[in-house]
Amino acid sequence: MKIRFWGVRGSIASPGPRTVRYGGNTTCIEIRTDNNELLILDAGTGIFPLSHTLLAEMPLTAHVLLSHCHWDHIQGLPFFVPNFIAGNTLRLHGAFDPISGKGVEQAMAVQLQYAYFPVREAELKARIEYVTLMPEEPIEIGSATITPTLLNHPVINFGYRIDAGGKSVFFTGDHEPPHNIYASDDADYAEYQQFVDDKEQAIVRAMQDVDVLIADSSYTAQEYAGKRGWGHGSFDSSISYAQRAGARVLFCTHHEPTRSDDALEAAFAQALADQPAGSAVPDVRLAREGETFEF
């Protein structure tokens, strides 16, 4: 299996000299199975440079797995170049939205209105297909089994486990570890804490023994204290998940857009240094735009 990172920044694209080493594009990750089946995790601005590399493979079928429909994870979809060429297929997978009552098709329908984009969906040359997924219900894409897991974000957010050829990857999308919303002396605290504990255990089970964990690591522990409830994790929470799940390699991603490359490396180094002495820390890396990891 091969992983290539095309976008590793969170919230808003942040190109420029301060982010040139790790990249400024928002979330997009290319997965290739050993059979060369193409899976794309999220469609942030990184999907635009990815799409240019796919022109040599046409006609192609691209399976895009959306974690959720916040702007930084879908804004590259209208610029996915194969959409404009007949013979290609874009198969978009994602969650049902209980607020709108619509499936993943709304991700394209909303963006491809003349108010926001000059080309309507009906004018695209490729075939566009939509697959609305349900939590914990696996689907097969070629040799790969994809299992969506409901994680914790202000909207419905799927983490995806991909198993293929005896190898596995788990991608969190945007995720904040569940926490108790009640004060410890509140009558509802104990009941809600049981919900939190059960949810955490289910998330760790979904990640169990993966070869590669790709996790939302937006904040330092100090920053997180002031941003609780925003729906994002920290270096510490990602390392904790990797330890509990027994992940072999952890890639920290969704880098804070205001953090320069130098500051990102410093925050990462400090997070590793702050791990308790004697704790079993896995192979932890910063996701870098353009980097390929094959296993």
C-alpha atoms as a PDB file:
ATOM      1  CA  MET A   1       0.000   0.000   0.000  1.00  0.00           C
ATOM      2  CA  LYS A   2       1.197   3.513  -0.773  1.00  0.00           C
ATOM      3  CA  ILE A   3       0.215   6.807   0.858  1.00  0.00           C
ATOM      4  CA  ARG A   4       0.963  10.199  -0.619  1.00  0.00           C
ATOM      5  CA  PHE A   5       0.127  13.459   1.137  1.00  0.00           C
ATOM      6  CA  TRP A   6      -1.179  16.232  -1.110  1.00  0.00           C
ATOM      7  CA  GLY A   7      -2.506  18.570   1.575  1.00  0.00           C
ATOM      8  CA  VAL A   8      -1.728  18.618   5.299  1.00  0.00           C
ATOM      9  CA  ARG A   9      -2.850  22.065   6.530  1.00  0.00           C
ATOM     10  CA  GLY A  10      -6.080  22.651   8.402  1.00  0.00           C
ATOM     11  CA  SER A  11      -8.866  25.219   8.110  1.00  0.00           C
ATOM     12  CA  ILE A  12      -7.496  27.385   5.282  1.00  0.00           C
ATOM     13  CA  ALA A  13      -4.799  27.020   2.648  1.00  0.00           C
ATOM     14  CA  SER A  14      -1.629  28.813   3.755  1.00  0.00           C
ATOM     15  CA  PRO A  15       0.929  28.880   0.926  1.00  0.00           C
ATOM     16  CA  GLY A  16       4.102  30.918   1.136  1.00  0.00           C
ATOM     17  CA  PRO A  17       7.701  30.879   2.321  1.00  0.00           C
ATOM     18  CA  ARG A  18       6.727  30.102   5.942  1.00  0.00           C
ATOM     19  CA  THR A  19       5.065  26.802   4.947  1.00  0.00           C
ATOM     20  CA  VAL A  20       7.170  25.696   1.993  1.00  0.00           C
ATOM     21  CA  ARG A  21       8.681  22.626   3.699  1.00  0.00           C
ATOM     22  CA  TYR A  22       5.471  21.013   4.932  1.00  0.00           C
ATOM     23  CA  GLY A  23       3.118  22.606   2.415  1.00  0.00           C
ATOM     24  CA  GLY A  24       0.157  24.956   2.511  1.00  0.00           C
ATOM     25  CA  ASN A  25      -2.635  22.941   0.855  1.00  0.00           C
ATOM     26  CA  THR A  26      -5.595  21.676   2.860  1.00  0.00           C
ATOM     27  CA  THR A  27      -6.373  18.039   3.460  1.00  0.00           C
ATOM     28  CA  CYS A  28      -6.036  15.518   0.652  1.00  0.00           C
ATOM     29  CA  ILE A  29      -4.361  12.111   0.851  1.00  0.00           C
ATOM     30  CA  GLU A  30      -3.876   9.630  -1.988  1.00  0.00           C
ATOM     31  CA  ILE A  31      -4.008   5.922  -1.138  1.00  0.00           C
ATOM     32  CA  ARG A  32      -2.971   3.236  -3.605  1.00  0.00           C
ATOM     33  CA  THR A  33      -3.629  -0.408  -2.864  1.00  0.00           C
ATOM     34  CA  ASP A  34      -1.175  -3.058  -4.032  1.00  0.00           C
ATOM     35  CA  ASN A  35      -3.542  -3.493  -7.011  1.00  0.00           C
ATOM     36  CA  ASN A  36      -3.161   0.236  -7.771  1.00  0.00           C
ATOM     37  CA  GLU A  37      -6.775   1.035  -6.893  1.00  0.00           C
ATOM     38  CA  LEU A  38      -7.123   4.779  -6.264  1.00  0.00           C
ATOM     39  CA  LEU A  39      -8.649   6.046  -3.020  1.00  0.00           C
ATOM     40  CA  ILE A  40      -8.594   9.739  -2.108  1.00  0.00           C
ATOM     41  CA  LEU A  41      -9.146  10.868   1.473  1.00  0.00           C
ATOM     42  CA  ASP A  42     -10.774  14.314   1.477  1.00  0.00           C
ATOM     43  CA  ALA A  43     -10.797  16.914  -1.263  1.00  0.00           C
ATOM     44  CA  GLY A  44      -9.153  20.025   0.096  1.00  0.00           C
ATOM     45  CA  THR A  45      -6.991  22.216  -2.106  1.00  0.00           C
ATOM     46  CA  GLY A  46      -4.430  19.410  -2.317  1.00  0.00           C
ATOM     47  CA  ILE A  47      -6.693  17.502  -4.705  1.00  0.00           C
ATOM     48  CA  PHE A  48      -5.906  20.054  -7.440  1.00  0.00           C
ATOM     49  CA  PRO A  49      -2.209  19.162  -7.836  1.00  0.00           C
ATOM     50  CA  LEU A  50      -3.091  15.490  -7.349  1.00  0.00           C
ATOM     51  CA  SER A  51      -5.564  15.670 -10.230  1.00  0.00           C
ATOM     52  CA  HIS A  52      -2.866  16.776 -12.667  1.00  0.00           C
ATOM     53  CA  THR A  53      -0.855  13.626 -11.979  1.00  0.00           C
ATOM     54  CA  LEU A  54      -3.906  11.501 -12.805  1.00  0.00           C
ATOM     55  CA  LEU A  55      -4.198  12.723 -16.387  1.00  0.00           C
ATOM     56  CA  ALA A  56      -1.737  10.034 -17.482  1.00  0.00           C
ATOM     57  CA  GLU A  57      -4.102   7.321 -16.174  1.00  0.00           C
ATOM     58  CA  MET A  58      -7.304   8.227 -17.993  1.00  0.00           C
ATOM     59  CA  PRO A  59      -9.893   6.952 -18.232  1.00  0.00           C
ATOM     60  CA  LEU A  60      -9.948   6.566 -14.468  1.00  0.00           C
ATOM     61  CA  THR A  61     -12.305   5.960 -11.573  1.00  0.00           C
ATOM     62  CA  ALA A  62     -11.447   8.010  -8.504  1.00  0.00           C
ATOM     63  CA  HIS A  63     -13.018   7.030  -5.199  1.00  0.00           C
ATOM     64  CA  VAL A  64     -13.099  10.093  -2.929  1.00  0.00           C
ATOM     65  CA  LEU A  65     -13.884   9.454   0.738  1.00  0.00           C
ATOM     66  CA  LEU A  66     -15.025  12.648   2.458  1.00  0.00           C
ATOM     67  CA  SER A  67     -14.571  12.772   6.210  1.00  0.00           C
ATOM     68  CA  HIS A  68     -16.994  15.719   6.362  1.00  0.00           C
ATOM     69  CA  CYS A  69     -18.074  18.732   4.349  1.00  0.00           C
ATOM     70  CA  HIS A  70     -16.373  21.622   6.076  1.00  0.00           C
ATOM     71  CA  TRP A  71     -14.929  23.914   3.441  1.00  0.00           C
ATOM     72  CA  ASP A  72     -11.253  23.038   3.867  1.00  0.00           C
ATOM     73  CA  HIS A  73     -12.034  19.374   3.132  1.00  0.00           C
ATOM     74  CA  ILE A  74     -14.117  19.849  -0.036  1.00  0.00           C
ATOM     75  CA  GLN A  75     -13.011  23.100  -1.648  1.00  0.00           C
ATOM     76  CA  GLY A  76     -10.832  21.338  -4.211  1.00  0.00           C
ATOM     77  CA  LEU A  77     -13.661  19.270  -5.703  1.00  0.00           C
ATOM     78  CA  PRO A  78     -14.675  21.807  -8.387  1.00  0.00           C
ATOM     79  CA  PHE A  79     -11.032  21.922  -9.511  1.00  0.00           C
ATOM     80  CA  PHE A  80     -10.544  18.151  -9.857  1.00  0.00           C
ATOM     81  CA  VAL A  81      -9.379  18.190 -13.480  1.00  0.00           C
ATOM     82  CA  PRO A  82     -10.639  14.696 -14.522  1.00  0.00           C
ATOM     83  CA  ASN A  83     -14.200  15.928 -13.863  1.00  0.00           C
ATOM     84  CA  PHE A  84     -13.979  17.976 -17.056  1.00  0.00           C
ATOM     85  CA  ILE A  85     -12.943  15.057 -19.288  1.00  0.00           C
ATOM     86  CA  ALA A  86     -15.379  12.473 -20.675  1.00  0.00           C
ATOM     87  CA  GLY A  87     -14.774   8.831 -19.796  1.00  0.00           C
ATOM     88  CA  ASN A  88     -13.718   9.446 -16.190  1.00  0.00           C
ATOM     89  CA  THR A  89     -15.755   8.664 -13.086  1.00  0.00           C
ATOM     90  CA  LEU A  90     -15.701  10.462  -9.753  1.00  0.00           C
ATOM     91  CA  ARG A  91     -17.344   8.352  -7.058  1.00  0.00           C
ATOM     92  CA  LEU A  92     -17.901  10.521  -3.998  1.00  0.00           C
ATOM     93  CA  HIS A  93     -18.453   8.788  -0.651  1.00  0.00           C
ATOM     94  CA  GLY A  94     -19.583  10.439   2.561  1.00  0.00           C
ATOM     95  CA  ALA A  95     -22.129  10.759   5.324  1.00  0.00           C
ATOM     96  CA  PHE A  96     -25.828  11.523   5.467  1.00  0.00           C
ATOM     97  CA  ASP A  97     -26.475  14.983   6.903  1.00  0.00           C
ATOM     98  CA  PRO A  98     -29.310  14.878   9.462  1.00  0.00           C
ATOM     99  CA  ILE A  99     -29.616  18.685   9.400  1.00  0.00           C
ATOM    100  CA  SER A 100     -30.295  19.059   5.676  1.00  0.00           C
ATOM    101  CA  GLY A 101     -31.758  15.584   5.264  1.00  0.00           C
ATOM    102  CA  LYS A 102     -29.477  15.007   2.271  1.00  0.00           C
ATOM    103  CA  GLY A 103     -26.645  12.661   1.432  1.00  0.00           C
ATOM    104  CA  VAL A 104     -23.142  13.375   0.224  1.00  0.00           C
ATOM    105  CA  GLU A 105     -24.458  14.685  -3.111  1.00  0.00           C
ATOM    106  CA  GLN A 106     -24.994  18.097  -1.519  1.00  0.00           C
ATOM    107  CA  ALA A 107     -21.216  18.619  -1.317  1.00  0.00           C
ATOM    108  CA  MET A 108     -21.125  19.147  -5.072  1.00  0.00           C
ATOM    109  CA  ALA A 109     -24.630  20.557  -5.503  1.00  0.00           C
ATOM    110  CA  VAL A 110     -23.939  23.480  -3.183  1.00  0.00           C
ATOM    111  CA  GLN A 111     -20.495  24.327  -4.559  1.00  0.00           C
ATOM    112  CA  LEU A 112     -21.462  24.053  -8.221  1.00  0.00           C
ATOM    113  CA  GLN A 113     -24.029  26.831  -8.204  1.00  0.00           C
ATOM    114  CA  TYR A 114     -23.410  29.847 -10.384  1.00  0.00           C
ATOM    115  CA  ALA A 115     -23.239  31.999  -7.249  1.00  0.00           C
ATOM    116  CA  TYR A 116     -20.051  30.165  -6.271  1.00  0.00           C
ATOM    117  CA  PHE A 117     -18.599  28.552  -9.416  1.00  0.00           C
ATOM    118  CA  PRO A 118     -18.964  29.193 -13.158  1.00  0.00           C
ATOM    119  CA  VAL A 119     -19.518  25.553 -14.209  1.00  0.00           C
ATOM    120  CA  ARG A 120     -22.631  23.636 -13.171  1.00  0.00           C
ATOM    121  CA  GLU A 121     -22.533  19.954 -12.301  1.00  0.00           C
ATOM    122  CA  ALA A 122     -24.589  19.162 -15.405  1.00  0.00           C
ATOM    123  CA  GLU A 123     -21.834  20.675 -17.533  1.00  0.00           C
ATOM    124  CA  LEU A 124     -19.101  18.383 -16.222  1.00  0.00           C
ATOM    125  CA  LYS A 125     -18.009  15.751 -18.729  1.00  0.00           C
ATOM    126  CA  ALA A 126     -17.121  12.988 -16.284  1.00  0.00           C
ATOM    127  CA  ARG A 127     -19.633  10.706 -14.622  1.00  0.00           C
ATOM    128  CA  ILE A 128     -20.319  11.765 -11.028  1.00  0.00           C
ATOM    129  CA  GLU A 129     -21.661   9.129  -8.640  1.00  0.00           C
ATOM    130  CA  TYR A 130     -22.599   9.436  -4.972  1.00  0.00           C
ATOM    131  CA  VAL A 131     -22.401   6.834  -2.242  1.00  0.00           C
ATOM    132  CA  THR A 132     -23.884   7.751   1.137  1.00  0.00           C
ATOM    133  CA  LEU A 133     -22.245   5.699   3.880  1.00  0.00           C
ATOM    134  CA  MET A 134     -23.449   4.584   7.290  1.00  0.00           C
ATOM    135  CA  PRO A 135     -21.290   4.292  10.417  1.00  0.00           C
ATOM    136  CA  GLU A 136     -19.671   0.905  11.012  1.00  0.00           C
ATOM    137  CA  GLU A 137     -21.027  -0.503   7.715  1.00  0.00           C
ATOM    138  CA  PRO A 138     -18.016  -1.564   5.604  1.00  0.00           C
ATOM    139  CA  ILE A 139     -17.948  -1.245   1.834  1.00  0.00           C
ATOM    140  CA  GLU A 140     -15.679  -2.907  -0.704  1.00  0.00           C
ATOM    141  CA  ILE A 141     -13.734  -0.947  -3.304  1.00  0.00           C
ATOM    142  CA  GLY A 142     -11.748  -3.419  -5.338  1.00  0.00           C
ATOM    143  CA  SER A 143      -9.399  -5.231  -2.977  1.00  0.00           C
ATOM    144  CA  ALA A 144      -9.974  -2.709  -0.168  1.00  0.00           C
ATOM    145  CA  THR A 145     -12.457  -2.801   2.686  1.00  0.00           C
ATOM    146  CA  ILE A 146     -13.389   0.660   3.948  1.00  0.00           C
ATOM    147  CA  THR A 147     -15.080   1.030   7.315  1.00  0.00           C
ATOM    148  CA  PRO A 148     -16.429   4.461   8.319  1.00  0.00           C
ATOM    149  CA  THR A 149     -16.443   5.330  12.023  1.00  0.00           C
ATOM    150  CA  LEU A 150     -18.301   8.276  13.517  1.00  0.00           C
ATOM    151  CA  LEU A 151     -15.821  10.567  15.272  1.00  0.00           C
ATOM    152  CA  ASN A 152     -16.189  13.833  17.204  1.00  0.00           C
ATOM    153  CA  HIS A 153     -16.487  17.149  15.335  1.00  0.00           C
ATOM    154  CA  PRO A 154     -19.137  19.895  15.205  1.00  0.00           C
ATOM    155  CA  VAL A 155     -20.645  18.183  12.135  1.00  0.00           C
ATOM    156  CA  ILE A 156     -20.908  14.513  11.164  1.00  0.00           C
ATOM    157  CA  ASN A 157     -17.327  13.398  10.616  1.00  0.00           C
ATOM    158  CA  PHE A 158     -16.224   9.953   9.486  1.00  0.00           C
ATOM    159  CA  GLY A 159     -12.890   8.430  10.258  1.00  0.00           C
ATOM    160  CA  TYR A 160     -11.987   5.784   7.698  1.00  0.00           C
ATOM    161  CA  ARG A 161     -10.220   2.485   8.193  1.00  0.00           C
ATOM    162  CA  ILE A 162      -8.844   1.000   4.980  1.00  0.00           C
ATOM    163  CA  ASP A 163      -7.805  -2.671   4.943  1.00  0.00           C
ATOM    164  CA  ALA A 164      -6.269  -4.146   1.810  1.00  0.00           C
ATOM    165  CA  GLY A 165      -3.839  -6.997   1.219  1.00  0.00           C
ATOM    166  CA  GLY A 166      -3.181  -7.478   4.907  1.00  0.00           C
ATOM    167  CA  LYS A 167      -2.277  -3.795   5.394  1.00  0.00           C
ATOM    168  CA  SER A 168      -4.272  -1.071   7.115  1.00  0.00           C
ATOM    169  CA  VAL A 169      -4.628   2.700   7.447  1.00  0.00           C
ATOM    170  CA  PHE A 170      -6.902   4.767   9.677  1.00  0.00           C
ATOM    171  CA  PHE A 171      -7.613   8.427   8.895  1.00  0.00           C
ATOM    172  CA  THR A 172      -9.435  10.545  11.474  1.00  0.00           C
ATOM    173  CA  GLY A 173     -10.468  13.513   9.382  1.00  0.00           C
ATOM    174  CA  ASP A 174     -11.130  16.253  11.952  1.00  0.00           C
ATOM    175  CA  HIS A 175     -11.465  14.801  15.423  1.00  0.00           C
ATOM    176  CA  GLU A 176     -11.450  15.979  19.023  1.00  0.00           C
ATOM    177  CA  PRO A 177     -11.355  13.325  21.735  1.00  0.00           C
ATOM    178  CA  PRO A 178     -14.808  13.133  23.354  1.00  0.00           C
ATOM    179  CA  HIS A 179     -15.014  14.926  26.683  1.00  0.00           C
ATOM    180  CA  ASN A 180     -17.588  15.346  29.393  1.00  0.00           C
ATOM    181  CA  ILE A 181     -19.658  18.498  28.885  1.00  0.00           C
ATOM    182  CA  TYR A 182     -20.948  18.471  32.480  1.00  0.00           C
ATOM    183  CA  ALA A 183     -19.226  19.624  35.666  1.00  0.00           C
ATOM    184  CA  SER A 184     -18.125  16.801  37.944  1.00  0.00           C
ATOM    185  CA  ASP A 185     -20.760  17.736  40.538  1.00  0.00           C
ATOM    186  CA  ASP A 186     -23.596  17.790  37.988  1.00  0.00           C
ATOM    187  CA  ALA A 187     -26.230  15.070  38.296  1.00  0.00           C
ATOM    188  CA  ASP A 188     -25.729  14.109  34.647  1.00  0.00           C
ATOM    189  CA  TYR A 189     -21.938  13.843  34.852  1.00  0.00           C
ATOM    190  CA  ALA A 190     -21.666  10.107  35.585  1.00  0.00           C
ATOM    191  CA  GLU A 191     -24.103   9.043  32.873  1.00  0.00           C
ATOM    192  CA  TYR A 192     -22.420  11.227  30.272  1.00  0.00           C
ATOM    193  CA  GLN A 193     -18.984  10.028  31.333  1.00  0.00           C
ATOM    194  CA  GLN A 194     -20.078   6.482  30.563  1.00  0.00           C
ATOM    195  CA  PHE A 195     -21.034   7.647  27.063  1.00  0.00           C
ATOM    196  CA  VAL A 196     -17.619   9.323  26.671  1.00  0.00           C
ATOM    197  CA  ASP A 197     -15.781   6.204  27.839  1.00  0.00           C
ATOM    198  CA  ASP A 198     -17.771   3.939  25.524  1.00  0.00           C
ATOM    199  CA  LYS A 199     -17.168   6.259  22.572  1.00  0.00           C
ATOM    200  CA  GLU A 200     -13.437   6.398  23.223  1.00  0.00           C
ATOM    201  CA  GLN A 201     -13.244   2.621  23.436  1.00  0.00           C
ATOM    202  CA  ALA A 202     -15.130   2.277  20.135  1.00  0.00           C
ATOM    203  CA  ILE A 203     -12.742   4.703  18.425  1.00  0.00           C
ATOM    204  CA  VAL A 204      -9.665   2.870  19.689  1.00  0.00           C
ATOM    205  CA  ARG A 205     -11.157  -0.459  18.528  1.00  0.00           C
ATOM    206  CA  ALA A 206     -11.674   1.004  15.060  1.00  0.00           C
ATOM    207  CA  MET A 207      -7.981   1.971  14.948  1.00  0.00           C
ATOM    208  CA  GLN A 208      -6.717  -1.233  16.534  1.00  0.00           C
ATOM    209  CA  ASP A 209      -3.391  -2.520  15.223  1.00  0.00           C
ATOM    210  CA  VAL A 210      -3.329  -0.369  12.092  1.00  0.00           C
ATOM    211  CA  ASP A 211      -0.057  -0.039  10.250  1.00  0.00           C
ATOM    212  CA  VAL A 212      -0.581   3.698   9.761  1.00  0.00           C
ATOM    213  CA  LEU A 213      -2.668   6.164  11.757  1.00  0.00           C
ATOM    214  CA  ILE A 214      -3.183   9.618  10.192  1.00  0.00           C
ATOM    215  CA  ALA A 215      -4.600  11.879  12.888  1.00  0.00           C
ATOM    216  CA  ASP A 216      -5.784  15.439  13.435  1.00  0.00           C
ATOM    217  CA  SER A 217      -3.023  17.018  15.531  1.00  0.00           C
ATOM    218  CA  SER A 218      -3.848  20.693  15.188  1.00  0.00           C
ATOM    219  CA  TYR A 219      -2.862  21.927  18.628  1.00  0.00           C
ATOM    220  CA  THR A 220      -0.297  21.717  21.361  1.00  0.00           C
ATOM    221  CA  ALA A 221      -1.594  20.672  24.780  1.00  0.00           C
ATOM    222  CA  GLN A 222      -1.381  24.306  25.910  1.00  0.00           C
ATOM    223  CA  GLU A 223      -3.323  25.599  22.887  1.00  0.00           C
ATOM    224  CA  TYR A 224      -5.997  22.952  23.244  1.00  0.00           C
ATOM    225  CA  ALA A 225      -6.923  24.209  26.706  1.00  0.00           C
ATOM    226  CA  GLY A 226      -8.314  27.374  25.100  1.00  0.00           C
ATOM    227  CA  LYS A 227      -9.900  25.683  22.077  1.00  0.00           C
ATOM    228  CA  ARG A 228     -11.813  22.840  23.645  1.00  0.00           C
ATOM    229  CA  GLY A 229     -14.993  22.123  21.727  1.00  0.00           C
ATOM    230  CA  TRP A 230     -13.650  23.371  18.389  1.00  0.00           C
ATOM    231  CA  GLY A 231     -13.440  19.794  17.130  1.00  0.00           C
ATOM    232  CA  HIS A 232      -9.700  19.250  16.733  1.00  0.00           C
ATOM    233  CA  GLY A 233      -7.071  17.135  18.421  1.00  0.00           C
ATOM    234  CA  SER A 234      -3.542  17.743  19.631  1.00  0.00           C
ATOM    235  CA  PHE A 235      -0.169  16.090  19.258  1.00  0.00           C
ATOM    236  CA  ASP A 236      -0.729  14.524  22.668  1.00  0.00           C
ATOM    237  CA  SER A 237      -4.175  13.121  21.865  1.00  0.00           C
ATOM    238  CA  SER A 238      -2.918  11.628  18.602  1.00  0.00           C
ATOM    239  CA  ILE A 239       0.063   9.981  20.303  1.00  0.00           C
ATOM    240  CA  SER A 240      -2.289   8.611  22.964  1.00  0.00           C
ATOM    241  CA  TYR A 241      -4.557   7.086  20.308  1.00  0.00           C
ATOM    242  CA  ALA A 242      -1.578   5.531  18.553  1.00  0.00           C
ATOM    243  CA  GLN A 243      -0.325   4.033  21.811  1.00  0.00           C
ATOM    244  CA  ARG A 244      -3.689   2.612  22.859  1.00  0.00           C
ATOM    245  CA  ALA A 245      -4.479   1.241  19.401  1.00  0.00           C
ATOM    246  CA  GLY A 246      -1.021  -0.230  18.852  1.00  0.00           C
ATOM    247  CA  ALA A 247      -0.496   1.707  15.602  1.00  0.00           C
ATOM    248  CA  ARG A 248       2.893   1.126  14.006  1.00  0.00           C
ATOM    249  CA  VAL A 249       3.321   4.603  12.492  1.00  0.00           C
ATOM    250  CA  LEU A 250       1.530   7.849  13.361  1.00  0.00           C
ATOM    251  CA  PHE A 251       1.374  10.787  10.954  1.00  0.00           C
ATOM    252  CA  CYS A 252       0.329  14.024  12.641  1.00  0.00           C
ATOM    253  CA  THR A 253      -1.602  16.217  10.205  1.00  0.00           C
ATOM    254  CA  HIS A 254      -4.112  19.096   9.860  1.00  0.00           C
ATOM    255  CA  HIS A 255      -1.322  21.497  10.790  1.00  0.00           C
ATOM    256  CA  GLU A 256      -2.436  24.810  12.279  1.00  0.00           C
ATOM    257  CA  PRO A 257      -2.446  27.269   9.329  1.00  0.00           C
ATOM    258  CA  THR A 258      -0.824  30.121  11.253  1.00  0.00           C
ATOM    259  CA  ARG A 259       2.085  27.925  12.351  1.00  0.00           C
ATOM    260  CA  SER A 260       5.248  28.294  10.273  1.00  0.00           C
ATOM    261  CA  ASP A 261       7.297  25.226   9.401  1.00  0.00           C
ATOM    262  CA  ASP A 262       9.878  26.179  12.021  1.00  0.00           C
ATOM    263  CA  ALA A 263       7.189  26.626  14.664  1.00  0.00           C
ATOM    264  CA  LEU A 264       5.544  23.354  13.615  1.00  0.00           C
ATOM    265  CA  GLU A 265       8.796  21.435  14.083  1.00  0.00           C
ATOM    266  CA  ALA A 266       9.389  23.108  17.449  1.00  0.00           C
ATOM    267  CA  ALA A 267       5.877  22.285  18.708  1.00  0.00           C
ATOM    268  CA  PHE A 268       6.232  18.710  17.510  1.00  0.00           C
ATOM    269  CA  ALA A 269       9.609  18.259  19.171  1.00  0.00           C
ATOM    270  CA  GLN A 270       8.251  19.655  22.435  1.00  0.00           C
ATOM    271  CA  ALA A 271       5.247  17.310  22.319  1.00  0.00           C
ATOM    272  CA  LEU A 272       7.575  14.319  21.960  1.00  0.00           C
ATOM    273  CA  ALA A 273       9.831  15.576  24.743  1.00  0.00           C
ATOM    274  CA  ASP A 274       6.824  15.985  27.045  1.00  0.00           C
ATOM    275  CA  GLN A 275       5.799  12.330  26.776  1.00  0.00           C
ATOM    276  CA  PRO A 276       6.138  10.540  30.127  1.00  0.00           C
ATOM    277  CA  ALA A 277       9.471   8.855  30.692  1.00  0.00           C
ATOM    278  CA  GLY A 278       9.355   5.185  29.775  1.00  0.00           C
ATOM    279  CA  SER A 279       6.154   5.455  27.721  1.00  0.00           C
ATOM    280  CA  ALA A 280       6.043   3.395  24.534  1.00  0.00           C
ATOM    281  CA  VAL A 281       5.921   6.083  21.849  1.00  0.00           C
ATOM    282  CA  PRO A 282       5.414   4.682  18.321  1.00  0.00           C
ATOM    283  CA  ASP A 283       7.090   5.970  15.156  1.00  0.00           C
ATOM    284  CA  VAL A 284       5.612   9.501  15.106  1.00  0.00           C
ATOM    285  CA  ARG A 285       6.042  11.798  12.101  1.00  0.00           C
ATOM    286  CA  LEU A 286       4.823  15.131  10.812  1.00  0.00           C
ATOM    287  CA  ALA A 287       2.826  14.722   7.611  1.00  0.00           C
ATOM    288  CA  ARG A 288       4.539  16.595   4.794  1.00  0.00           C
ATOM    289  CA  GLU A 289       2.962  17.645   1.504  1.00  0.00           C
ATOM    290  CA  GLY A 290       4.446  15.593  -1.334  1.00  0.00           C
ATOM    291  CA  GLU A 291       5.745  12.844   0.959  1.00  0.00           C
ATOM    292  CA  THR A 292       5.132   9.219   0.005  1.00  0.00           C
ATOM    293  CA  PHE A 293       5.044   6.355   2.495  1.00  0.00           C
ATOM    294  CA  GLU A 294       4.960   2.798   1.165  1.00  0.00           C
ATOM    295  CA  PHE A 295       4.568  -0.344   3.246  1.00  0.00           C
END
